[in-house]
Amino acid sequence: MVSDTIIVGAGTAGCVLANRLSESSSHQVTLLEAGPPDNSMWIPIPVGFTKLMGNRTYNWCFQTEPEPYTLDRPIPIPRGRTLGGSSAINGMLIVRGQPLDYNTWAQLGNRGWSWEDVLPYFRKFETYQDGGDKTRGHDGPLNVHKVGFRNELTDAYLKATRNEGFPFNDDYNNGEQEGFGYLQINQKEGRRVSAANAYLDPIRKRQNLCIETDAHVTRLIMDGTRCVGVEFRQRGQLRELRAKRVILAAGAIQSPQILELSGIGNPKVLSDAGVKVIHALPGVGENLRDHYTPRMNWRVKKKVTFNERAHGLPLAWEVARYYLQKKGLLIAPSAVIFGFVKSRPDLETPDIQYHYNLGSYANHARRTLDHDPGMTMSVYQLRPQSAGSVHIGGGNPLAAPKIRPNFLAEEEDRVSLVEGMKIARRIVNNPALDAYRAYEMNPGKEVNTDQEWLDFARRNGQTSFHLGGSCKMGQDAMAVVDSNLKVHGLDGLYVVDASIMPTMVSGNTNAATFMIAEKASDHLRTAA
């Protein structure tokens, strides 16, 4: 097989790259995806994400190593394993982050990554259906619109937020994030729009694009300091593919894993794993970031939530309604209302994000809704200072890497999260919700001191599925790629995915990953 460009991973970034780099018929592009095609019946149905969180066919189902700050609990780390990657199994929430995030990247020495620089690429990937100002895009591949769920409880909740002094925000993606309002999602006509739907479906017949599924890349092929191809396992056979350049788009967990399996990384990590050092790069797998979220929930007095519609005959009606009208419970994303607030008044920008949902889970890991009415607020600190790592534990390319997010290791993270949970309780206890709020289920009214709040968070917090930073962009000794996303010290090798984020963006990471790939594509179309 001969190709100009090999893209490893058909997640969000890989799908964007495959589309943009194959626009010129003079280039041959091969896209390799370790998982199967995206043909599960649950992928296009929005609420199907609840069925895919533990599905090992379409989800890598990683988990963290035991860590003391989270009481040595293994925490599930879902990652998409199919065309579209995590955009095929996630909650479909589109959040760009704050201008401060990208201006910080630029100030760290990454020229061309300020808010002003990246805004055109946010506009480029979206078709925003709800108007908006000049910051919004209207002719991109990805359909984006506001959540359509509105009822008396959502109205009462938003009234409670205003009563507590928080503004209503009609569009948190235009550079002004603070306040509460309805989330924006990537759906169209009641169906999920994954990166594969948006970027691969229209171009699958391009003659210069080859898409290979069930192709698990096991290592990079190096010729001195140049990457000349990949080795991959497909349907029981070990194969090789060579190209002028290789782009790792395997995500924040598996891009560093592939680098380390190929002998690129921290010499001590590689030696301990029994892997020969090809190129010393100590930052590989370091700087891992994620949003750690405890989920608070309340029993609701009235039957106005998702819970009572998710079982028995009401569920049968919701299924029929979806197939007849593409409406109802089955188009529900992972949350309905957003909130961005400051945990203390002296902060320049919000440091806390809320996801409010018209439901409560009896089993959060399995996304099983309660039978009785309930509501949930997920809380996390936007820009965690706690940084972790992801590293191989040996040379077996099929073994899961060791994921250590280091959640809550830094005092600032603990303080902000505790304040965020207190604010959440204050909102729900506002009189505007008296007619709906029955009682607080978790953490419960007995939790009041800062230590009790923190203990609750340590016992119950989970990932928000926003991993990034493990192949960070920069010029310092721990940077893995430069501002063009080329791996330091090597030729023909790039990393393009959420792993290149030098610091965490303020919100869900999928929109930023679309942007990163669109921006990288512009450079890679002309790069040697």
Protein backbone atom coordinates (compact mmCIF):
# COMPACT_ATOMS: atom_id res chain seq x y z
CA MET A 1 0.00 0.00 0.00
CA VAL A 2 1.30 3.49 -0.90
CA SER A 3 0.05 6.76 0.56
CA ASP A 4 1.17 10.36 0.92
CA THR A 5 -0.42 10.75 4.35
CA ILE A 6 -1.42 8.25 7.01
CA ILE A 7 -3.87 9.43 9.66
CA VAL A 8 -3.94 7.23 12.78
CA GLY A 9 -7.36 7.38 14.43
CA ALA A 10 -10.74 8.25 12.93
CA GLY A 11 -12.08 10.21 15.86
CA THR A 12 -13.04 13.87 15.65
CA ALA A 13 -9.62 15.11 14.53
CA GLY A 14 -8.99 12.19 12.19
CA CYS A 15 -12.29 12.66 10.35
CA VAL A 16 -11.63 16.38 9.86
CA LEU A 17 -8.10 15.72 8.61
CA ALA A 18 -9.22 12.98 6.22
CA ASN A 19 -11.78 15.30 4.65
CA ARG A 20 -9.61 18.39 4.33
CA LEU A 21 -6.37 16.68 3.26
CA SER A 22 -8.09 14.61 0.56
CA GLU A 23 -9.71 17.66 -1.04
CA SER A 24 -6.81 17.75 -3.49
CA SER A 25 -6.88 14.74 -5.81
CA SER A 26 -3.10 14.91 -6.09
CA HIS A 27 -2.73 13.52 -2.56
CA GLN A 28 -3.45 9.96 -1.40
CA VAL A 29 -4.74 9.76 2.17
CA THR A 30 -5.22 6.65 4.30
CA LEU A 31 -7.28 6.80 7.49
CA LEU A 32 -6.73 3.97 9.99
CA GLU A 33 -9.28 3.28 12.74
CA ALA A 34 -8.71 0.58 15.36
CA GLY A 35 -12.44 0.08 15.94
CA PRO A 36 -15.26 -1.12 13.68
CA PRO A 37 -17.46 0.94 11.33
CA ASP A 38 -20.01 3.21 13.02
CA ASN A 39 -22.99 0.97 12.30
CA SER A 40 -24.44 0.52 15.78
CA MET A 41 -28.14 1.37 15.94
CA TRP A 42 -27.39 3.39 19.10
CA ILE A 43 -24.95 5.86 17.55
CA PRO A 44 -27.41 8.03 15.57
CA ILE A 45 -30.04 8.01 18.35
CA PRO A 46 -28.97 10.82 20.69
CA VAL A 47 -29.91 9.09 23.95
CA GLY A 48 -28.02 6.05 22.67
CA PHE A 49 -24.91 7.37 24.36
CA THR A 50 -26.26 5.79 27.55
CA LYS A 51 -26.06 2.38 25.83
CA LEU A 52 -22.52 2.92 24.52
CA MET A 53 -20.73 3.97 27.71
CA GLY A 54 -19.99 0.36 28.65
CA ASN A 55 -20.06 -1.19 25.17
CA ARG A 56 -16.60 -2.61 24.48
CA THR A 57 -17.24 -2.90 20.75
CA TYR A 58 -17.53 0.87 20.32
CA ASN A 59 -15.79 2.06 23.50
CA TRP A 60 -12.28 1.34 24.75
CA CYS A 61 -13.64 1.29 28.32
CA PHE A 62 -10.38 2.36 29.92
CA GLN A 63 -10.11 3.08 33.63
CA THR A 64 -7.75 5.00 35.86
CA GLU A 65 -5.13 3.58 38.14
CA PRO A 66 -5.95 3.84 41.87
CA GLU A 67 -5.01 7.29 43.22
CA PRO A 68 -5.12 8.57 46.83
CA TYR A 69 -7.01 11.83 46.23
CA THR A 70 -9.95 9.84 44.84
CA LEU A 71 -9.72 7.11 47.50
CA ASP A 72 -8.00 4.57 45.23
CA ARG A 73 -11.17 4.10 43.18
CA PRO A 74 -10.71 2.93 39.57
CA ILE A 75 -12.64 5.53 37.56
CA PRO A 76 -14.07 4.53 34.15
CA ILE A 77 -12.59 6.46 31.19
CA PRO A 78 -14.83 6.01 28.13
CA ARG A 79 -13.17 6.63 24.75
CA GLY A 80 -14.80 6.14 21.36
CA ARG A 81 -13.69 3.11 19.36
CA THR A 82 -15.28 3.53 15.93
CA LEU A 83 -15.49 5.96 13.04
CA GLY A 84 -16.18 9.30 14.66
CA GLY A 85 -14.38 8.26 17.85
CA SER A 86 -15.73 9.85 21.00
CA SER A 87 -18.00 12.13 18.94
CA ALA A 88 -19.98 8.95 18.18
CA ILE A 89 -20.61 8.11 21.85
CA ASN A 90 -20.46 11.42 23.75
CA GLY A 91 -23.16 13.72 25.11
CA MET A 92 -23.14 16.01 21.98
CA LEU A 93 -22.42 19.27 23.83
CA ILE A 94 -20.64 22.03 21.90
CA VAL A 95 -18.56 24.36 24.08
CA ARG A 96 -15.72 26.43 22.63
CA GLY A 97 -14.24 27.69 25.88
CA GLN A 98 -13.10 31.21 26.73
CA PRO A 99 -10.86 33.61 24.78
CA LEU A 100 -8.57 33.48 27.83
CA ASP A 101 -7.83 29.80 27.13
CA TYR A 102 -6.42 30.39 23.67
CA ASN A 103 -4.72 33.67 24.53
CA THR A 104 -2.93 31.72 27.26
CA TRP A 105 -1.76 29.19 24.68
CA ALA A 106 -0.34 32.01 22.58
CA GLN A 107 1.33 33.62 25.59
CA LEU A 108 3.06 30.30 26.31
CA GLY A 109 4.89 30.72 23.00
CA ASN A 110 2.43 29.05 20.61
CA ARG A 111 2.16 31.66 17.89
CA GLY A 112 -1.03 31.54 15.87
CA TRP A 113 -3.19 30.05 18.65
CA SER A 114 -4.78 33.15 20.22
CA TRP A 115 -8.57 33.54 20.33
CA GLU A 116 -8.41 35.83 17.32
CA ASP A 117 -6.38 33.20 15.46
CA VAL A 118 -8.59 30.21 16.26
CA LEU A 119 -12.01 31.88 15.95
CA PRO A 120 -12.15 31.48 12.12
CA TYR A 121 -11.72 27.72 12.55
CA PHE A 122 -14.52 27.49 15.10
CA ARG A 123 -16.70 29.29 12.56
CA LYS A 124 -15.47 27.05 9.75
CA PHE A 125 -16.66 23.74 11.19
CA GLU A 126 -20.19 24.72 12.22
CA THR A 127 -23.58 25.55 10.81
CA TYR A 128 -25.22 27.27 13.75
CA GLN A 129 -29.00 27.12 13.45
CA ASP A 130 -29.96 29.76 16.01
CA GLY A 131 -28.72 33.01 14.51
CA GLY A 132 -25.91 34.43 16.56
CA ASP A 133 -23.45 37.22 15.86
CA LYS A 134 -20.41 37.37 13.58
CA THR A 135 -18.53 34.90 15.80
CA ARG A 136 -20.78 32.06 14.65
CA GLY A 137 -20.44 29.94 11.50
CA HIS A 138 -23.30 29.17 9.14
CA ASP A 139 -21.97 26.96 6.35
CA GLY A 140 -19.75 24.36 8.03
CA PRO A 141 -20.10 20.55 8.05
CA LEU A 142 -21.31 20.25 11.67
CA ASN A 143 -24.91 21.16 12.48
CA VAL A 144 -25.23 22.93 15.85
CA HIS A 145 -28.36 24.19 17.59
CA LYS A 146 -29.72 24.84 21.07
CA VAL A 147 -31.29 22.10 23.13
CA GLY A 148 -35.00 21.96 22.38
CA PHE A 149 -36.23 20.76 25.78
CA ARG A 150 -38.27 23.43 27.59
CA ASN A 151 -40.78 22.81 30.37
CA GLU A 152 -41.97 24.32 33.62
CA LEU A 153 -39.02 22.87 35.56
CA THR A 154 -36.35 24.28 33.23
CA ASP A 155 -38.14 27.64 33.39
CA ALA A 156 -38.16 27.50 37.20
CA TYR A 157 -34.51 26.49 37.31
CA LEU A 158 -33.42 29.40 35.12
CA LYS A 159 -35.52 31.74 37.26
CA ALA A 160 -33.70 30.43 40.33
CA THR A 161 -30.32 31.19 38.72
CA ARG A 162 -31.42 34.75 37.97
CA ASN A 163 -32.73 35.16 41.51
CA GLU A 164 -29.30 34.16 42.78
CA GLY A 165 -27.68 36.92 40.72
CA PHE A 166 -26.49 35.02 37.66
CA PRO A 167 -27.29 36.44 34.20
CA PHE A 168 -29.09 34.61 31.41
CA ASN A 169 -26.68 33.95 28.53
CA ASP A 170 -28.21 33.33 25.12
CA ASP A 171 -24.92 32.27 23.47
CA TYR A 172 -21.99 31.14 25.60
CA ASN A 173 -19.90 30.35 22.50
CA ASN A 174 -19.46 33.93 21.26
CA GLY A 175 -16.62 34.77 23.62
CA GLU A 176 -18.79 35.81 26.59
CA GLN A 177 -19.25 32.66 28.63
CA GLU A 178 -20.61 33.75 32.02
CA GLY A 179 -24.21 32.96 33.00
CA PHE A 180 -26.86 30.27 32.49
CA GLY A 181 -28.88 29.18 29.46
CA TYR A 182 -29.63 26.33 27.08
CA LEU A 183 -26.77 24.17 25.85
CA GLN A 184 -25.79 23.87 22.20
CA ILE A 185 -25.56 20.41 20.66
CA ASN A 186 -24.44 18.70 17.46
CA GLN A 187 -27.69 17.16 16.23
CA LYS A 188 -29.78 17.45 13.10
CA GLU A 189 -33.43 16.46 12.78
CA GLY A 190 -33.30 14.41 15.96
CA ARG A 191 -30.11 12.53 15.11
CA ARG A 192 -26.55 12.77 16.40
CA VAL A 193 -24.13 14.40 13.98
CA SER A 194 -20.76 12.80 14.73
CA ALA A 195 -17.47 13.79 13.11
CA ALA A 196 -17.88 10.79 10.81
CA ASN A 197 -21.36 11.93 9.74
CA ALA A 198 -20.18 15.50 9.14
CA TYR A 199 -16.79 14.91 7.53
CA LEU A 200 -16.58 11.32 6.23
CA ASP A 201 -20.06 10.48 4.96
CA PRO A 202 -20.00 13.11 2.16
CA ILE A 203 -16.57 11.97 0.86
CA ARG A 204 -16.40 8.20 1.33
CA LYS A 205 -16.24 7.65 -2.42
CA ARG A 206 -13.22 9.88 -3.02
CA GLN A 207 -10.72 7.86 -5.02
CA ASN A 208 -7.77 9.31 -3.13
CA LEU A 209 -9.10 8.40 0.32
CA CYS A 210 -8.79 4.92 1.80
CA ILE A 211 -10.60 4.24 5.10
CA GLU A 212 -9.50 1.14 6.96
CA THR A 213 -11.38 -0.04 10.07
CA ASP A 214 -10.31 -2.71 12.56
CA ALA A 215 -6.77 -1.44 11.92
CA HIS A 216 -5.02 -1.15 15.29
CA VAL A 217 -1.71 0.69 14.94
CA THR A 218 0.94 -1.01 17.06
CA ARG A 219 3.96 1.19 16.35
CA LEU A 220 5.46 3.83 14.09
CA ILE A 221 8.12 2.86 11.57
CA MET A 222 11.16 5.10 11.92
CA ASP A 223 14.12 5.66 9.59
CA GLY A 224 16.52 7.58 11.79
CA THR A 225 14.68 10.75 12.81
CA ARG A 226 12.00 10.43 10.11
CA CYS A 227 8.71 8.61 10.50
CA VAL A 228 8.12 6.63 7.30
CA GLY A 229 5.05 4.58 8.14
CA VAL A 230 3.11 2.49 10.61
CA GLU A 231 2.68 -1.10 11.63
CA PHE A 232 -0.88 -2.18 12.36
CA ARG A 233 -2.84 -5.28 13.21
CA GLN A 234 -5.96 -5.92 11.12
CA ARG A 235 -8.15 -9.00 11.40
CA GLY A 236 -5.39 -11.09 12.92
CA GLN A 237 -2.64 -10.05 10.50
CA LEU A 238 0.28 -7.69 11.07
CA ARG A 239 0.64 -5.22 8.21
CA GLU A 240 2.82 -2.26 7.30
CA LEU A 241 1.95 0.94 5.48
CA ARG A 242 4.46 3.58 4.42
CA ALA A 243 3.95 7.25 3.65
CA LYS A 244 5.70 10.62 3.45
CA ARG A 245 4.12 11.65 6.74
CA VAL A 246 2.11 10.19 9.61
CA ILE A 247 -0.42 12.14 11.67
CA LEU A 248 -1.36 10.76 15.07
CA ALA A 249 -5.00 11.62 15.79
CA ALA A 250 -5.63 8.81 18.25
CA GLY A 251 -6.62 11.04 21.17
CA ALA A 252 -5.19 12.03 24.53
CA ILE A 253 -4.83 8.42 25.69
CA GLN A 254 -3.62 6.60 22.61
CA SER A 255 -1.48 9.16 20.78
CA PRO A 256 1.09 9.13 23.62
CA GLN A 257 0.68 5.36 23.89
CA ILE A 258 1.64 4.88 20.23
CA LEU A 259 4.61 7.24 20.59
CA GLU A 260 5.91 5.31 23.59
CA LEU A 261 5.38 1.92 21.94
CA SER A 262 7.53 3.29 19.10
CA GLY A 263 10.38 4.29 21.41
CA ILE A 264 9.52 7.99 21.54
CA GLY A 265 9.17 9.40 25.05
CA ASN A 266 10.77 9.61 28.46
CA PRO A 267 13.79 7.25 28.46
CA LYS A 268 13.04 6.01 31.98
CA VAL A 269 9.39 5.21 31.16
CA LEU A 270 10.48 3.41 28.01
CA SER A 271 13.27 1.48 29.74
CA ASP A 272 10.95 0.41 32.56
CA ALA A 273 8.49 -0.85 29.91
CA GLY A 274 11.21 -2.75 28.06
CA VAL A 275 11.02 -0.53 24.98
CA LYS A 276 14.16 0.62 23.15
CA VAL A 277 14.63 4.39 23.15
CA ILE A 278 14.50 5.80 19.62
CA HIS A 279 13.98 9.47 20.47
CA ALA A 280 14.04 11.00 23.94
CA LEU A 281 11.02 13.27 24.51
CA PRO A 282 10.23 13.48 28.24
CA GLY A 283 6.87 15.23 27.88
CA VAL A 284 5.14 12.35 26.10
CA GLY A 285 2.22 11.22 28.26
CA GLU A 286 2.67 13.99 30.83
CA ASN A 287 0.43 17.04 31.47
CA LEU A 288 -2.75 14.94 31.20
CA ARG A 289 -5.80 17.04 32.14
CA ASP A 290 -9.47 16.24 32.64
CA HIS A 291 -12.50 17.76 34.33
CA TYR A 292 -13.40 15.96 37.54
CA THR A 293 -17.08 16.17 38.39
CA PRO A 294 -19.19 15.14 41.36
CA ARG A 295 -22.86 14.97 40.42
CA MET A 296 -25.44 16.38 42.82
CA ASN A 297 -29.07 15.32 42.48
CA TRP A 298 -32.48 16.02 43.95
CA ARG A 299 -35.80 14.21 44.11
CA VAL A 300 -38.51 16.22 42.30
CA LYS A 301 -42.15 16.49 43.46
CA LYS A 302 -43.83 16.69 40.05
CA LYS A 303 -43.67 14.29 37.12
CA VAL A 304 -41.85 16.73 34.84
CA THR A 305 -38.47 14.99 34.42
CA PHE A 306 -36.96 12.35 32.14
CA ASN A 307 -37.00 9.67 34.84
CA GLU A 308 -40.68 8.83 34.75
CA ARG A 309 -40.60 8.67 30.93
CA ALA A 310 -37.76 6.15 30.79
CA HIS A 311 -39.54 3.01 31.97
CA GLY A 312 -42.50 0.80 31.01
CA LEU A 313 -45.34 2.11 28.84
CA PRO A 314 -44.13 5.75 28.89
CA LEU A 315 -40.84 4.58 27.40
CA ALA A 316 -42.66 2.63 24.69
CA TRP A 317 -44.50 5.83 23.78
CA GLU A 318 -41.21 7.75 23.70
CA VAL A 319 -39.70 5.17 21.33
CA ALA A 320 -42.72 5.43 19.03
CA ARG A 321 -42.61 9.21 19.20
CA TYR A 322 -38.96 9.23 18.20
CA TYR A 323 -39.43 7.05 15.15
CA LEU A 324 -42.56 8.92 14.08
CA GLN A 325 -41.56 12.51 14.91
CA LYS A 326 -37.84 12.52 15.90
CA LYS A 327 -38.88 14.18 19.16
CA GLY A 328 -39.09 13.37 22.85
CA LEU A 329 -36.83 11.65 25.34
CA LEU A 330 -34.70 9.84 22.76
CA ILE A 331 -33.21 13.07 21.40
CA ALA A 332 -31.97 14.07 24.87
CA PRO A 333 -28.26 14.98 25.10
CA SER A 334 -26.28 14.51 28.29
CA ALA A 335 -27.49 17.85 29.73
CA VAL A 336 -30.04 20.57 28.98
CA ILE A 337 -28.86 23.78 30.67
CA PHE A 338 -25.34 25.16 31.14
CA GLY A 339 -23.92 27.42 33.80
CA PHE A 340 -20.57 29.22 33.92
CA VAL A 341 -19.86 31.06 37.16
CA LYS A 342 -17.02 32.46 39.25
CA SER A 343 -16.41 30.58 42.48
CA ARG A 344 -15.26 33.87 44.02
CA PRO A 345 -15.82 37.46 42.90
CA ASP A 346 -12.15 38.44 42.40
CA LEU A 347 -11.74 36.09 39.41
CA GLU A 348 -11.51 37.58 35.93
CA THR A 349 -13.56 34.85 34.23
CA PRO A 350 -15.73 31.88 35.29
CA ASP A 351 -13.89 28.91 36.78
CA ILE A 352 -16.89 26.61 37.36
CA GLN A 353 -19.15 24.87 34.85
CA TYR A 354 -22.54 23.28 35.56
CA HIS A 355 -24.51 20.81 33.50
CA TYR A 356 -28.15 20.70 34.58
CA ASN A 357 -30.23 17.72 33.53
CA LEU A 358 -33.91 16.81 33.82
CA GLY A 359 -33.11 13.44 35.29
CA SER A 360 -31.16 11.55 37.95
CA TYR A 361 -29.27 8.30 37.57
CA ALA A 362 -29.80 5.28 39.77
CA ASN A 363 -26.46 4.07 38.38
CA HIS A 364 -24.40 6.85 36.86
CA ALA A 365 -21.72 4.59 35.39
CA ARG A 366 -24.41 2.69 33.46
CA ARG A 367 -26.60 5.76 32.87
CA THR A 368 -29.68 4.05 34.34
CA LEU A 369 -32.33 6.64 35.22
CA ASP A 370 -34.28 6.54 38.48
CA HIS A 371 -37.96 5.59 38.37
CA ASP A 372 -39.09 8.55 40.47
CA PRO A 373 -38.69 12.15 39.21
CA GLY A 374 -35.28 13.71 39.77
CA MET A 375 -32.82 16.35 38.55
CA THR A 376 -29.02 16.59 38.50
CA MET A 377 -26.31 19.24 38.54
CA SER A 378 -22.83 18.18 37.47
CA VAL A 379 -20.11 20.50 38.76
CA TYR A 380 -16.49 20.89 37.73
CA GLN A 381 -13.64 23.34 37.89
CA LEU A 382 -12.88 24.61 34.39
CA ARG A 383 -9.10 24.94 34.40
CA PRO A 384 -7.71 22.31 36.77
CA GLN A 385 -4.16 22.79 37.98
CA SER A 386 -3.85 19.10 38.80
CA ALA A 387 -1.97 17.39 35.99
CA GLY A 388 -1.59 13.66 35.55
CA SER A 389 -0.06 11.20 33.11
CA VAL A 390 -0.72 8.32 30.76
CA HIS A 391 2.06 5.80 30.07
CA ILE A 392 2.53 2.29 28.79
CA GLY A 393 3.25 -0.37 31.37
CA GLY A 394 5.01 -2.66 28.92
CA GLY A 395 5.63 -3.30 25.25
CA ASN A 396 2.30 -5.02 24.50
CA PRO A 397 0.50 -2.70 22.05
CA LEU A 398 -2.86 -4.30 22.83
CA ALA A 399 -2.63 -3.63 26.57
CA ALA A 400 -4.38 -0.59 28.03
CA PRO A 401 -2.03 2.20 29.14
CA LYS A 402 -1.75 3.32 32.76
CA ILE A 403 -3.96 6.40 33.21
CA ARG A 404 -3.29 8.60 36.25
CA PRO A 405 -5.28 11.86 36.03
CA ASN A 406 -4.17 13.02 39.50
CA PHE A 407 -7.64 14.44 40.19
CA LEU A 408 -7.86 16.92 43.12
CA ALA A 409 -4.13 16.87 43.79
CA GLU A 410 -3.88 20.67 43.86
CA GLU A 411 -5.44 22.79 46.61
CA GLU A 412 -6.84 25.34 44.15
CA ASP A 413 -8.86 22.59 42.45
CA ARG A 414 -10.28 21.38 45.75
CA VAL A 415 -11.23 24.86 46.94
CA SER A 416 -12.91 25.84 43.65
CA LEU A 417 -14.86 22.60 43.41
CA VAL A 418 -16.18 22.89 46.99
CA GLU A 419 -17.33 26.45 46.30
CA GLY A 420 -18.97 25.32 43.07
CA MET A 421 -20.98 22.65 44.86
CA LYS A 422 -22.12 25.15 47.48
CA ILE A 423 -23.36 27.49 44.75
CA ALA A 424 -25.22 24.60 43.10
CA ARG A 425 -27.07 23.88 46.34
CA ARG A 426 -27.86 27.58 46.77
CA ILE A 427 -29.43 27.72 43.30
CA VAL A 428 -31.62 24.66 43.82
CA ASN A 429 -32.68 25.88 47.28
CA ASN A 430 -33.95 29.16 45.80
CA PRO A 431 -37.71 29.69 46.37
CA ALA A 432 -38.28 29.57 42.58
CA LEU A 433 -37.85 25.79 42.87
CA ASP A 434 -39.91 25.24 46.03
CA ALA A 435 -42.81 23.76 44.06
CA TYR A 436 -40.48 21.18 42.46
CA ARG A 437 -37.69 20.38 44.92
CA ALA A 438 -38.55 17.50 47.25
CA TYR A 439 -35.16 16.89 48.90
CA GLU A 440 -31.46 16.66 48.13
CA MET A 441 -30.42 13.08 47.49
CA ASN A 442 -26.69 13.61 46.96
CA PRO A 443 -24.73 14.72 48.82
CA GLY A 444 -27.64 15.27 51.23
CA LYS A 445 -28.42 17.99 53.76
CA GLU A 446 -26.05 16.48 56.36
CA VAL A 447 -23.07 17.62 54.24
CA ASN A 448 -22.20 21.20 55.23
CA THR A 449 -18.55 21.74 56.14
CA ASP A 450 -15.85 22.19 53.50
CA GLN A 451 -14.29 18.89 54.54
CA GLU A 452 -17.63 17.09 54.16
CA TRP A 453 -18.09 18.58 50.69
CA LEU A 454 -14.59 17.51 49.72
CA ASP A 455 -15.12 14.01 51.08
CA PHE A 456 -18.28 13.71 48.98
CA ALA A 457 -16.39 14.82 45.87
CA ARG A 458 -13.56 12.37 46.52
CA ARG A 459 -15.99 9.46 47.04
CA ASN A 460 -18.32 10.17 44.15
CA GLY A 461 -16.60 12.22 41.45
CA GLN A 462 -16.11 10.88 37.94
CA THR A 463 -14.47 11.99 34.71
CA SER A 464 -16.26 14.47 32.47
CA PHE A 465 -14.69 12.67 29.47
CA HIS A 466 -12.58 15.74 28.60
CA LEU A 467 -9.07 14.34 28.46
CA GLY A 468 -6.31 16.37 26.85
CA GLY A 469 -2.81 17.74 27.15
CA SER A 470 -0.71 14.55 27.06
CA CYS A 471 1.32 15.60 23.97
CA LYS A 472 1.33 19.28 24.70
CA MET A 473 2.18 22.01 22.23
CA GLY A 474 4.99 24.39 23.16
CA GLN A 475 8.68 25.21 23.19
CA ASP A 476 9.67 24.15 26.71
CA ALA A 477 11.45 20.96 27.68
CA MET A 478 8.20 19.07 28.29
CA ALA A 479 6.52 20.05 25.00
CA VAL A 480 5.92 17.26 22.49
CA VAL A 481 4.89 19.24 19.40
CA ASP A 482 5.59 22.72 18.07
CA SER A 483 2.99 25.31 17.09
CA ASN A 484 2.53 23.53 13.73
CA LEU A 485 1.89 20.29 15.68
CA LYS A 486 5.05 18.63 14.34
CA VAL A 487 6.76 16.36 16.86
CA HIS A 488 9.90 18.01 18.22
CA GLY A 489 13.10 16.59 16.78
CA LEU A 490 11.43 14.29 14.25
CA ASP A 491 10.42 14.65 10.62
CA GLY A 492 7.27 13.40 8.96
CA LEU A 493 5.38 13.02 12.25
CA TYR A 494 2.56 15.17 13.64
CA VAL A 495 0.06 14.95 16.48
CA VAL A 496 -3.38 16.50 15.88
CA ASP A 497 -5.97 15.93 18.59
CA ALA A 498 -6.89 17.05 22.12
CA SER A 499 -3.56 15.81 23.45
CA ILE A 500 -1.78 18.92 22.08
CA MET A 501 -3.64 21.31 24.41
CA PRO A 502 -0.99 22.97 26.61
CA THR A 503 -3.65 23.92 29.18
CA MET A 504 -7.25 22.83 29.61
CA VAL A 505 -9.97 24.70 27.74
CA SER A 506 -12.86 26.08 29.80
CA GLY A 507 -15.50 23.51 28.98
CA ASN A 508 -16.22 20.38 26.97
CA THR A 509 -13.30 19.58 24.66
CA ASN A 510 -14.93 18.24 21.48
CA ALA A 511 -15.50 21.65 19.86
CA ALA A 512 -11.87 22.62 20.51
CA THR A 513 -10.77 19.35 18.88
CA PHE A 514 -12.76 20.16 15.73
CA MET A 515 -11.04 23.56 15.70
CA ILE A 516 -7.55 22.09 16.24
CA ALA A 517 -7.99 19.71 13.32
CA GLU A 518 -9.39 22.38 11.00
CA LYS A 519 -6.48 24.69 11.81
CA ALA A 520 -3.90 21.93 11.43
CA SER A 521 -5.39 20.94 8.08
CA ASP A 522 -4.72 24.40 6.69
CA HIS A 523 -1.03 24.04 7.50
CA LEU A 524 -0.71 20.38 6.53
CA ARG A 525 -2.17 20.93 3.06
CA THR A 526 0.98 22.83 2.13
CA ALA A 527 3.55 21.35 4.54
CA ALA A 528 6.21 19.01 3.23
